[in-house]
């Protein structure tokens, strides 16, 4: 059973799967899904749903788990609402990054001499990060406060999400083989 079929089965709404090879009659059962998800933590599963299936119903649970798992600087006088918003913005940026406007997500551009070079805007990463100003506006705190106190926390959240995704995909792959 392929990972793509398992992920498609997780979505709450009907999903259309276009198989790359003719389907031989295998049907995806709830037992297949349960077997594939065995051992995957709930928050990790919800992150996969959020990122790959546009299923946002578990957003609050993901955020709650991040709040529990990550230690936030207690010396900083900031409300729970701002921490929630910081994690929410981090989650959206992690799961749905923006394509670089210069290379349109290709990672390469053609220079004036006609040579294909690495995109100077995204350094070949194909994605464009939000600026610190845009992030601070989205969270609702001053830019300098964000840069000075919360940028490292924002990156820590993204790192944690990456770890969760890697662990979940590894386990999903193991379970599907």
N, C-alpha and C. Protein backbone atom coordinates (compact mmCIF):
# COMPACT_ATOMS: atom_id res chain seq x y z
N UNK A 1 0.86 -1.17 0.00
CA UNK A 1 0.00 0.00 0.00
C UNK A 1 0.90 1.23 0.00
N UNK A 2 0.69 2.14 -0.94
CA UNK A 2 1.54 3.31 -1.05
C UNK A 2 1.20 4.40 -0.07
N UNK A 3 2.21 5.19 0.28
CA UNK A 3 2.04 6.30 1.22
C UNK A 3 1.02 7.30 0.70
N UNK A 4 1.03 7.55 -0.60
CA UNK A 4 0.11 8.53 -1.18
C UNK A 4 -1.34 8.09 -0.98
N UNK A 5 -1.61 6.79 -1.15
CA UNK A 5 -2.98 6.30 -0.95
C UNK A 5 -3.39 6.43 0.51
N UNK A 6 -2.44 6.15 1.40
CA UNK A 6 -2.74 6.26 2.83
C UNK A 6 -3.06 7.70 3.18
N UNK A 7 -2.22 8.63 2.73
CA UNK A 7 -2.46 10.04 3.03
C UNK A 7 -3.79 10.50 2.43
N UNK A 8 -4.10 10.03 1.23
CA UNK A 8 -5.37 10.42 0.61
C UNK A 8 -6.55 9.89 1.42
N UNK A 9 -6.39 8.73 2.00
CA UNK A 9 -7.48 8.15 2.79
C UNK A 9 -7.69 8.90 4.09
N UNK A 10 -6.69 9.62 4.54
CA UNK A 10 -6.80 10.35 5.80
C UNK A 10 -7.68 11.58 5.68
N UNK A 11 -7.82 12.10 4.50
CA UNK A 11 -8.55 13.34 4.32
C UNK A 11 -10.04 13.13 4.63
N UNK A 12 -10.62 14.12 5.26
CA UNK A 12 -12.02 14.01 5.68
C UNK A 12 -12.96 14.06 4.47
N UNK A 13 -12.56 14.79 3.44
CA UNK A 13 -13.41 14.89 2.26
C UNK A 13 -12.92 13.89 1.21
N UNK A 14 -13.75 13.53 0.26
CA UNK A 14 -13.32 12.58 -0.76
C UNK A 14 -12.14 13.11 -1.54
N UNK A 15 -11.19 12.25 -1.81
CA UNK A 15 -10.01 12.64 -2.56
C UNK A 15 -9.96 11.83 -3.84
N UNK A 16 -9.52 12.45 -4.90
CA UNK A 16 -9.36 11.69 -6.13
C UNK A 16 -7.90 11.29 -6.25
N UNK A 17 -7.70 10.03 -6.49
CA UNK A 17 -6.35 9.52 -6.68
C UNK A 17 -6.20 9.15 -8.13
N UNK A 18 -5.17 9.65 -8.75
CA UNK A 18 -4.88 9.26 -10.10
C UNK A 18 -3.67 8.35 -10.05
N UNK A 19 -3.87 7.05 -10.14
CA UNK A 19 -2.75 6.13 -10.03
C UNK A 19 -1.83 6.23 -11.23
N UNK A 20 -0.53 6.04 -11.00
CA UNK A 20 0.44 6.09 -12.09
C UNK A 20 0.43 4.79 -12.88
N UNK A 21 -0.08 3.74 -12.28
CA UNK A 21 -0.20 2.46 -12.96
C UNK A 21 -1.64 1.99 -12.84
N UNK A 22 -2.07 1.10 -13.71
CA UNK A 22 -3.44 0.61 -13.60
C UNK A 22 -3.70 -0.02 -12.23
N UNK A 23 -4.85 0.24 -11.68
CA UNK A 23 -5.22 -0.30 -10.38
C UNK A 23 -5.60 -1.76 -10.58
N UNK A 24 -5.06 -2.63 -9.73
CA UNK A 24 -5.29 -4.06 -9.89
C UNK A 24 -6.47 -4.55 -9.06
N UNK A 25 -7.26 -3.67 -8.54
CA UNK A 25 -8.41 -4.08 -7.76
C UNK A 25 -8.20 -3.96 -6.27
N UNK A 26 -7.00 -3.61 -5.82
CA UNK A 26 -6.76 -3.42 -4.39
C UNK A 26 -7.59 -2.24 -3.92
N UNK A 27 -8.29 -2.45 -2.84
CA UNK A 27 -9.06 -1.37 -2.24
C UNK A 27 -8.40 -0.97 -0.94
N UNK A 28 -8.42 0.29 -0.68
CA UNK A 28 -7.86 0.82 0.55
C UNK A 28 -8.91 0.66 1.64
N UNK A 29 -8.55 -0.03 2.68
CA UNK A 29 -9.50 -0.27 3.77
C UNK A 29 -9.10 0.55 4.99
N UNK A 30 -10.00 0.63 5.94
CA UNK A 30 -9.68 1.33 7.18
C UNK A 30 -8.56 0.61 7.92
N UNK A 31 -8.47 -0.70 7.73
CA UNK A 31 -7.38 -1.46 8.35
C UNK A 31 -6.03 -1.05 7.75
N UNK A 32 -6.00 -0.77 6.44
CA UNK A 32 -4.77 -0.29 5.80
C UNK A 32 -4.33 1.03 6.41
N UNK A 33 -5.29 1.94 6.56
CA UNK A 33 -4.99 3.25 7.12
C UNK A 33 -4.52 3.12 8.57
N UNK A 34 -5.24 2.32 9.34
CA UNK A 34 -4.87 2.11 10.74
C UNK A 34 -3.48 1.49 10.84
N UNK A 35 -3.18 0.55 9.99
CA UNK A 35 -1.86 -0.08 9.99
C UNK A 35 -0.76 0.89 9.62
N UNK A 36 -1.05 1.74 8.65
CA UNK A 36 -0.05 2.72 8.21
C UNK A 36 0.21 3.76 9.30
N UNK A 37 -0.82 4.07 10.07
CA UNK A 37 -0.68 5.11 11.10
C UNK A 37 -0.19 4.56 12.44
N UNK A 38 -0.05 3.25 12.53
CA UNK A 38 0.38 2.64 13.80
C UNK A 38 1.72 3.24 14.24
N UNK A 39 1.74 3.72 15.46
CA UNK A 39 2.98 4.25 16.02
C UNK A 39 3.25 5.71 15.71
N UNK A 40 2.41 6.33 14.90
CA UNK A 40 2.59 7.75 14.59
C UNK A 40 1.84 8.55 15.64
N UNK A 41 2.53 9.49 16.26
CA UNK A 41 1.89 10.32 17.28
C UNK A 41 0.80 11.17 16.65
N UNK A 42 -0.22 11.46 17.45
CA UNK A 42 -1.39 12.18 16.96
C UNK A 42 -1.02 13.54 16.36
N UNK A 43 -0.19 14.31 17.05
CA UNK A 43 0.20 15.64 16.54
C UNK A 43 0.96 15.52 15.23
N UNK A 44 1.76 14.47 15.08
CA UNK A 44 2.53 14.26 13.85
C UNK A 44 1.59 13.92 12.70
N UNK A 45 0.60 13.08 12.99
CA UNK A 45 -0.40 12.74 11.98
C UNK A 45 -1.17 14.00 11.55
N UNK A 46 -1.55 14.81 12.53
CA UNK A 46 -2.29 16.03 12.22
C UNK A 46 -1.45 16.99 11.37
N UNK A 47 -0.14 17.02 11.63
CA UNK A 47 0.75 17.86 10.81
C UNK A 47 0.77 17.38 9.37
N UNK A 48 0.83 16.06 9.16
CA UNK A 48 0.78 15.52 7.79
C UNK A 48 -0.53 15.89 7.11
N UNK A 49 -1.62 15.76 7.84
CA UNK A 49 -2.93 16.14 7.29
C UNK A 49 -2.95 17.62 6.92
N UNK A 50 -2.42 18.44 7.80
CA UNK A 50 -2.39 19.89 7.60
C UNK A 50 -1.58 20.25 6.36
N UNK A 51 -0.38 19.69 6.27
CA UNK A 51 0.54 20.06 5.20
C UNK A 51 0.17 19.46 3.84
N UNK A 52 -0.17 18.19 3.82
CA UNK A 52 -0.35 17.51 2.55
C UNK A 52 -1.80 17.38 2.09
N UNK A 53 -2.74 17.50 3.00
CA UNK A 53 -4.13 17.28 2.64
C UNK A 53 -5.01 18.51 2.83
N UNK A 54 -4.40 19.61 3.26
CA UNK A 54 -5.15 20.84 3.53
C UNK A 54 -6.29 20.60 4.51
N UNK A 55 -6.04 19.71 5.46
CA UNK A 55 -7.02 19.42 6.52
C UNK A 55 -6.58 20.21 7.75
N UNK A 56 -7.25 21.33 7.99
CA UNK A 56 -6.85 22.24 9.05
C UNK A 56 -7.58 21.99 10.36
N UNK A 57 -8.37 20.94 10.41
CA UNK A 57 -9.18 20.67 11.60
C UNK A 57 -8.33 20.38 12.84
N UNK A 58 -7.10 19.96 12.67
CA UNK A 58 -6.23 19.64 13.80
C UNK A 58 -5.28 20.75 14.19
N UNK A 59 -5.47 21.95 13.62
CA UNK A 59 -4.54 23.05 13.88
C UNK A 59 -4.41 23.35 15.37
N UNK A 60 -5.52 23.43 16.07
CA UNK A 60 -5.48 23.76 17.50
C UNK A 60 -4.70 22.71 18.28
N UNK A 61 -4.90 21.44 17.94
CA UNK A 61 -4.19 20.34 18.61
C UNK A 61 -2.68 20.42 18.35
N UNK A 62 -2.29 20.73 17.12
CA UNK A 62 -0.87 20.88 16.78
C UNK A 62 -0.26 22.00 17.62
N UNK A 63 -0.96 23.13 17.66
CA UNK A 63 -0.47 24.28 18.41
C UNK A 63 -0.36 23.95 19.90
N UNK A 64 -1.37 23.28 20.44
CA UNK A 64 -1.34 22.89 21.86
C UNK A 64 -0.15 21.98 22.16
N UNK A 65 0.12 21.04 21.28
CA UNK A 65 1.25 20.12 21.47
C UNK A 65 2.58 20.87 21.41
N UNK A 66 2.67 21.85 20.52
CA UNK A 66 3.90 22.65 20.43
C UNK A 66 4.10 23.48 21.69
N UNK A 67 3.02 24.05 22.21
CA UNK A 67 3.12 24.84 23.44
C UNK A 67 3.62 23.95 24.57
N UNK A 68 3.09 22.73 24.66
CA UNK A 68 3.53 21.79 25.70
C UNK A 68 4.98 21.37 25.53
N UNK A 69 5.37 21.10 24.28
CA UNK A 69 6.69 20.54 24.03
C UNK A 69 7.81 21.58 24.09
N UNK A 70 7.54 22.78 23.62
CA UNK A 70 8.58 23.81 23.57
C UNK A 70 8.50 24.68 24.81
N UNK A 71 9.65 25.04 25.30
CA UNK A 71 9.65 25.95 26.45
C UNK A 71 9.80 27.38 25.92
N UNK A 72 8.88 28.22 26.32
CA UNK A 72 8.91 29.60 25.87
C UNK A 72 9.55 30.45 26.95
N UNK A 73 10.32 31.45 26.53
CA UNK A 73 11.02 32.29 27.50
C UNK A 73 10.05 32.90 28.51
N UNK A 74 10.20 32.52 29.77
CA UNK A 74 9.28 33.01 30.80
C UNK A 74 9.60 34.44 31.20
N UNK A 75 10.79 34.91 30.88
CA UNK A 75 11.17 36.27 31.25
C UNK A 75 10.49 37.30 30.36
N UNK A 76 10.01 36.88 29.22
CA UNK A 76 9.40 37.81 28.29
C UNK A 76 7.94 38.00 28.68
N UNK A 77 7.55 39.25 28.83
CA UNK A 77 6.18 39.56 29.19
C UNK A 77 5.35 39.58 27.90
N UNK A 78 4.75 38.45 27.63
CA UNK A 78 3.96 38.34 26.41
C UNK A 78 2.77 37.43 26.68
N UNK A 79 1.67 37.73 26.07
CA UNK A 79 0.44 36.99 26.35
C UNK A 79 0.42 35.64 25.64
N UNK A 80 -0.44 34.76 26.16
CA UNK A 80 -0.64 33.47 25.53
C UNK A 80 -1.18 33.63 24.11
N UNK A 81 -1.95 34.69 23.90
CA UNK A 81 -2.52 34.96 22.58
C UNK A 81 -1.41 35.19 21.56
N UNK A 82 -0.37 35.92 21.94
CA UNK A 82 0.75 36.19 21.04
C UNK A 82 1.54 34.90 20.78
N UNK A 83 1.74 34.09 21.81
CA UNK A 83 2.44 32.81 21.62
C UNK A 83 1.64 31.93 20.67
N UNK A 84 0.32 31.87 20.86
CA UNK A 84 -0.55 31.09 19.98
C UNK A 84 -0.41 31.59 18.54
N UNK A 85 -0.44 32.90 18.36
CA UNK A 85 -0.35 33.49 17.01
C UNK A 85 1.04 33.22 16.41
N UNK A 86 2.10 33.29 17.22
CA UNK A 86 3.45 33.00 16.75
C UNK A 86 3.53 31.57 16.22
N UNK A 87 2.97 30.63 16.96
CA UNK A 87 2.99 29.23 16.53
C UNK A 87 2.12 29.04 15.29
N UNK A 88 0.97 29.69 15.27
CA UNK A 88 0.08 29.58 14.12
C UNK A 88 0.75 30.09 12.85
N UNK A 89 1.42 31.23 12.93
CA UNK A 89 2.13 31.79 11.78
C UNK A 89 3.28 30.87 11.37
N UNK A 90 3.99 30.32 12.34
CA UNK A 90 5.09 29.39 12.04
C UNK A 90 4.57 28.15 11.33
N UNK A 91 3.44 27.64 11.80
CA UNK A 91 2.83 26.45 11.20
C UNK A 91 2.44 26.71 9.75
N UNK A 92 1.79 27.82 9.50
CA UNK A 92 1.38 28.16 8.13
C UNK A 92 2.61 28.32 7.24
N UNK A 93 3.61 29.04 7.71
CA UNK A 93 4.82 29.24 6.91
C UNK A 93 5.54 27.92 6.64
N UNK A 94 5.52 27.02 7.61
CA UNK A 94 6.18 25.73 7.44
C UNK A 94 5.42 24.85 6.44
N UNK A 95 4.12 24.78 6.62
CA UNK A 95 3.32 23.86 5.81
C UNK A 95 2.99 24.40 4.42
N UNK A 96 2.88 25.70 4.29
CA UNK A 96 2.49 26.30 3.01
C UNK A 96 3.42 27.45 2.64
N UNK A 97 4.68 27.13 2.37
CA UNK A 97 5.63 28.21 2.03
C UNK A 97 5.29 28.85 0.69
N UNK A 98 5.75 30.07 0.53
CA UNK A 98 5.50 30.81 -0.71
C UNK A 98 6.59 30.52 -1.72
N UNK A 99 6.20 30.39 -2.98
CA UNK A 99 7.19 30.21 -4.03
C UNK A 99 7.92 31.52 -4.27
N UNK A 100 9.18 31.43 -4.61
CA UNK A 100 9.98 32.62 -4.90
C UNK A 100 9.38 33.33 -6.12
N UNK A 101 9.15 34.64 -6.02
CA UNK A 101 8.55 35.36 -7.14
C UNK A 101 9.50 35.54 -8.33
N UNK A 102 10.81 35.49 -8.07
CA UNK A 102 11.76 35.70 -9.15
C UNK A 102 11.89 34.47 -10.05
N UNK A 103 12.06 33.29 -9.45
CA UNK A 103 12.26 32.07 -10.24
C UNK A 103 10.97 31.25 -10.37
N UNK A 104 9.91 31.70 -9.70
CA UNK A 104 8.61 31.03 -9.71
C UNK A 104 8.71 29.57 -9.25
N UNK A 105 9.59 29.35 -8.25
CA UNK A 105 9.71 28.03 -7.66
C UNK A 105 10.63 27.08 -8.39
N UNK A 106 11.37 27.56 -9.37
CA UNK A 106 12.28 26.68 -10.11
C UNK A 106 13.68 26.62 -9.50
N UNK A 107 14.07 27.66 -8.77
CA UNK A 107 15.40 27.69 -8.16
C UNK A 107 16.48 28.20 -9.09
N UNK A 108 16.13 28.41 -10.35
CA UNK A 108 17.09 28.89 -11.35
C UNK A 108 16.44 29.98 -12.20
N UNK A 109 17.29 30.86 -12.70
CA UNK A 109 16.84 31.91 -13.61
C UNK A 109 17.85 32.01 -14.75
N UNK A 110 17.44 32.66 -15.81
CA UNK A 110 18.34 32.89 -16.95
C UNK A 110 18.88 34.30 -16.80
N UNK A 111 20.22 34.43 -16.81
CA UNK A 111 20.82 35.76 -16.68
C UNK A 111 20.86 36.48 -18.03
N UNK A 112 21.41 37.67 -18.05
CA UNK A 112 21.41 38.49 -19.28
C UNK A 112 22.23 37.86 -20.40
N UNK A 113 23.19 37.01 -20.03
CA UNK A 113 24.01 36.34 -21.04
C UNK A 113 23.34 35.06 -21.56
N UNK A 114 22.17 34.75 -21.03
CA UNK A 114 21.45 33.56 -21.46
C UNK A 114 21.83 32.28 -20.73
N UNK A 115 22.65 32.41 -19.68
CA UNK A 115 23.06 31.24 -18.90
C UNK A 115 22.05 31.00 -17.77
N UNK A 116 21.84 29.73 -17.49
CA UNK A 116 20.99 29.38 -16.37
C UNK A 116 21.84 29.43 -15.10
N UNK A 117 21.38 30.24 -14.14
CA UNK A 117 22.11 30.39 -12.88
C UNK A 117 21.16 30.16 -11.71
N UNK A 118 21.74 29.96 -10.56
CA UNK A 118 20.95 29.83 -9.33
C UNK A 118 20.25 31.15 -9.06
N UNK A 119 19.00 31.07 -8.66
CA UNK A 119 18.22 32.26 -8.38
C UNK A 119 18.86 33.07 -7.25
N UNK A 120 19.17 34.34 -7.49
CA UNK A 120 19.79 35.15 -6.44
C UNK A 120 18.82 35.54 -5.32
N UNK A 121 17.53 35.52 -5.60
CA UNK A 121 16.53 35.94 -4.60
C UNK A 121 16.34 34.88 -3.51
N UNK A 122 16.29 33.59 -3.93
CA UNK A 122 16.03 32.51 -2.96
C UNK A 122 17.24 31.59 -2.78
N UNK A 123 18.35 31.91 -3.45
CA UNK A 123 19.56 31.08 -3.39
C UNK A 123 19.30 29.64 -3.81
N UNK A 124 18.41 29.46 -4.78
CA UNK A 124 18.11 28.13 -5.29
C UNK A 124 17.18 27.30 -4.44
N UNK A 125 16.68 27.88 -3.34
CA UNK A 125 15.81 27.14 -2.43
C UNK A 125 14.38 27.02 -2.97
N UNK A 126 14.02 27.82 -3.95
CA UNK A 126 12.72 27.82 -4.63
C UNK A 126 11.59 28.44 -3.81
N UNK A 127 11.87 28.74 -2.57
CA UNK A 127 10.84 29.30 -1.69
C UNK A 127 11.27 30.66 -1.18
N UNK A 128 10.30 31.49 -0.87
CA UNK A 128 10.59 32.81 -0.34
C UNK A 128 10.05 32.88 1.08
N UNK A 129 10.89 33.24 1.99
CA UNK A 129 10.46 33.40 3.38
C UNK A 129 9.80 34.76 3.56
N UNK A 130 8.90 34.83 4.51
CA UNK A 130 8.34 36.12 4.85
C UNK A 130 9.41 36.93 5.56
N UNK A 131 9.39 38.22 5.36
CA UNK A 131 10.34 39.09 6.04
C UNK A 131 9.99 39.16 7.53
N UNK A 132 10.95 39.58 8.32
CA UNK A 132 10.70 39.73 9.76
C UNK A 132 9.61 40.77 10.00
N UNK A 133 9.56 41.79 9.15
CA UNK A 133 8.51 42.81 9.28
C UNK A 133 7.14 42.20 9.04
N UNK A 134 7.03 41.38 7.99
CA UNK A 134 5.74 40.74 7.68
C UNK A 134 5.35 39.77 8.78
N UNK A 135 6.32 39.04 9.31
CA UNK A 135 6.03 38.10 10.40
C UNK A 135 5.55 38.84 11.65
N UNK A 136 6.25 39.92 12.00
CA UNK A 136 5.86 40.66 13.20
C UNK A 136 4.47 41.27 13.06
N UNK A 137 4.14 41.73 11.84
CA UNK A 137 2.80 42.26 11.59
C UNK A 137 1.75 41.17 11.73
N UNK A 138 2.05 39.98 11.18
CA UNK A 138 1.10 38.86 11.25
C UNK A 138 0.86 38.42 12.70
N UNK A 139 1.89 38.52 13.52
CA UNK A 139 1.77 38.11 14.92
C UNK A 139 1.17 39.22 15.77
N UNK A 140 1.42 40.46 15.35
CA UNK A 140 0.85 41.59 16.08
C UNK A 140 1.78 42.17 17.12
N UNK A 141 3.09 42.09 16.87
CA UNK A 141 4.07 42.68 17.79
C UNK A 141 5.03 43.55 16.98
N UNK A 142 5.69 44.52 17.62
CA UNK A 142 6.64 45.38 16.90
C UNK A 142 7.79 44.56 16.29
N UNK A 143 8.27 45.02 15.14
CA UNK A 143 9.32 44.31 14.41
C UNK A 143 10.56 44.10 15.28
N UNK A 144 10.99 45.14 15.95
CA UNK A 144 12.21 45.02 16.78
C UNK A 144 12.02 44.02 17.92
N UNK A 145 10.84 44.01 18.51
CA UNK A 145 10.54 43.03 19.56
C UNK A 145 10.61 41.63 18.99
N UNK A 146 10.04 41.45 17.80
CA UNK A 146 10.08 40.14 17.15
C UNK A 146 11.52 39.73 16.85
N UNK A 147 12.26 40.65 16.23
CA UNK A 147 13.64 40.34 15.85
C UNK A 147 14.50 40.03 17.07
N UNK A 148 14.35 40.82 18.10
CA UNK A 148 15.19 40.68 19.29
C UNK A 148 14.79 39.48 20.16
N UNK A 149 13.50 39.27 20.34
CA UNK A 149 13.03 38.27 21.31
C UNK A 149 12.42 37.00 20.74
N UNK A 150 11.86 37.07 19.54
CA UNK A 150 11.03 35.96 19.09
C UNK A 150 11.50 35.28 17.81
N UNK A 151 12.48 35.83 17.11
CA UNK A 151 12.96 35.20 15.88
C UNK A 151 13.51 33.80 16.14
N UNK A 152 14.31 33.65 17.18
CA UNK A 152 14.86 32.34 17.51
C UNK A 152 13.76 31.35 17.88
N UNK A 153 12.74 31.82 18.57
CA UNK A 153 11.62 30.95 18.94
C UNK A 153 10.87 30.51 17.68
N UNK A 154 10.67 31.45 16.75
CA UNK A 154 10.02 31.14 15.47
C UNK A 154 10.79 30.04 14.74
N UNK A 155 12.11 30.17 14.69
CA UNK A 155 12.94 29.15 14.03
C UNK A 155 12.90 27.82 14.78
N UNK A 156 12.84 27.88 16.10
CA UNK A 156 12.75 26.67 16.93
C UNK A 156 11.45 25.93 16.63
N UNK A 157 10.37 26.66 16.45
CA UNK A 157 9.08 26.04 16.12
C UNK A 157 9.18 25.35 14.75
N UNK A 158 9.76 26.04 13.77
CA UNK A 158 9.91 25.44 12.44
C UNK A 158 10.77 24.18 12.50
N UNK A 159 11.84 24.22 13.30
CA UNK A 159 12.69 23.03 13.46
C UNK A 159 11.90 21.87 14.06
N UNK A 160 11.08 22.16 15.06
CA UNK A 160 10.28 21.12 15.70
C UNK A 160 9.28 20.53 14.72
N UNK A 161 8.65 21.37 13.92
CA UNK A 161 7.70 20.88 12.91
C UNK A 161 8.41 19.99 11.90
N UNK A 162 9.61 20.36 11.52
CA UNK A 162 10.39 19.55 10.59
C UNK A 162 10.71 18.18 11.19
N UNK A 163 11.06 18.16 12.46
CA UNK A 163 11.34 16.89 13.14
C UNK A 163 10.09 16.02 13.17
N UNK A 164 8.97 16.62 13.53
CA UNK A 164 7.70 15.88 13.57
C UNK A 164 7.38 15.28 12.21
N UNK A 165 7.51 16.10 11.16
CA UNK A 165 7.19 15.62 9.82
C UNK A 165 8.12 14.47 9.42
N UNK A 166 9.41 14.63 9.67
CA UNK A 166 10.38 13.58 9.32
C UNK A 166 10.06 12.28 10.04
N UNK A 167 9.78 12.36 11.33
CA UNK A 167 9.45 11.16 12.11
C UNK A 167 8.18 10.50 11.58
N UNK A 168 7.17 11.30 11.30
CA UNK A 168 5.89 10.74 10.82
C UNK A 168 6.04 10.09 9.45
N UNK A 169 6.75 10.75 8.55
CA UNK A 169 6.93 10.19 7.20
C UNK A 169 7.79 8.92 7.24
N UNK A 170 8.78 8.93 8.10
CA UNK A 170 9.63 7.72 8.24
C UNK A 170 8.79 6.55 8.74
N UNK A 171 7.98 6.79 9.75
CA UNK A 171 7.13 5.74 10.31
C UNK A 171 6.07 5.29 9.30
N UNK A 172 5.49 6.24 8.59
CA UNK A 172 4.50 5.92 7.56
C UNK A 172 5.12 5.05 6.49
N UNK A 173 6.32 5.40 6.07
CA UNK A 173 7.03 4.61 5.05
C UNK A 173 7.32 3.20 5.55
N UNK A 174 7.78 3.10 6.80
CA UNK A 174 8.05 1.77 7.40
C UNK A 174 6.77 0.94 7.42
N UNK A 175 5.69 1.55 7.85
CA UNK A 175 4.43 0.82 7.98
C UNK A 175 3.85 0.40 6.64
N UNK A 176 4.18 1.13 5.58
CA UNK A 176 3.63 0.83 4.26
C UNK A 176 4.45 -0.19 3.49
N UNK A 177 5.64 -0.48 3.96
CA UNK A 177 6.50 -1.45 3.26
C UNK A 177 6.34 -2.83 3.82
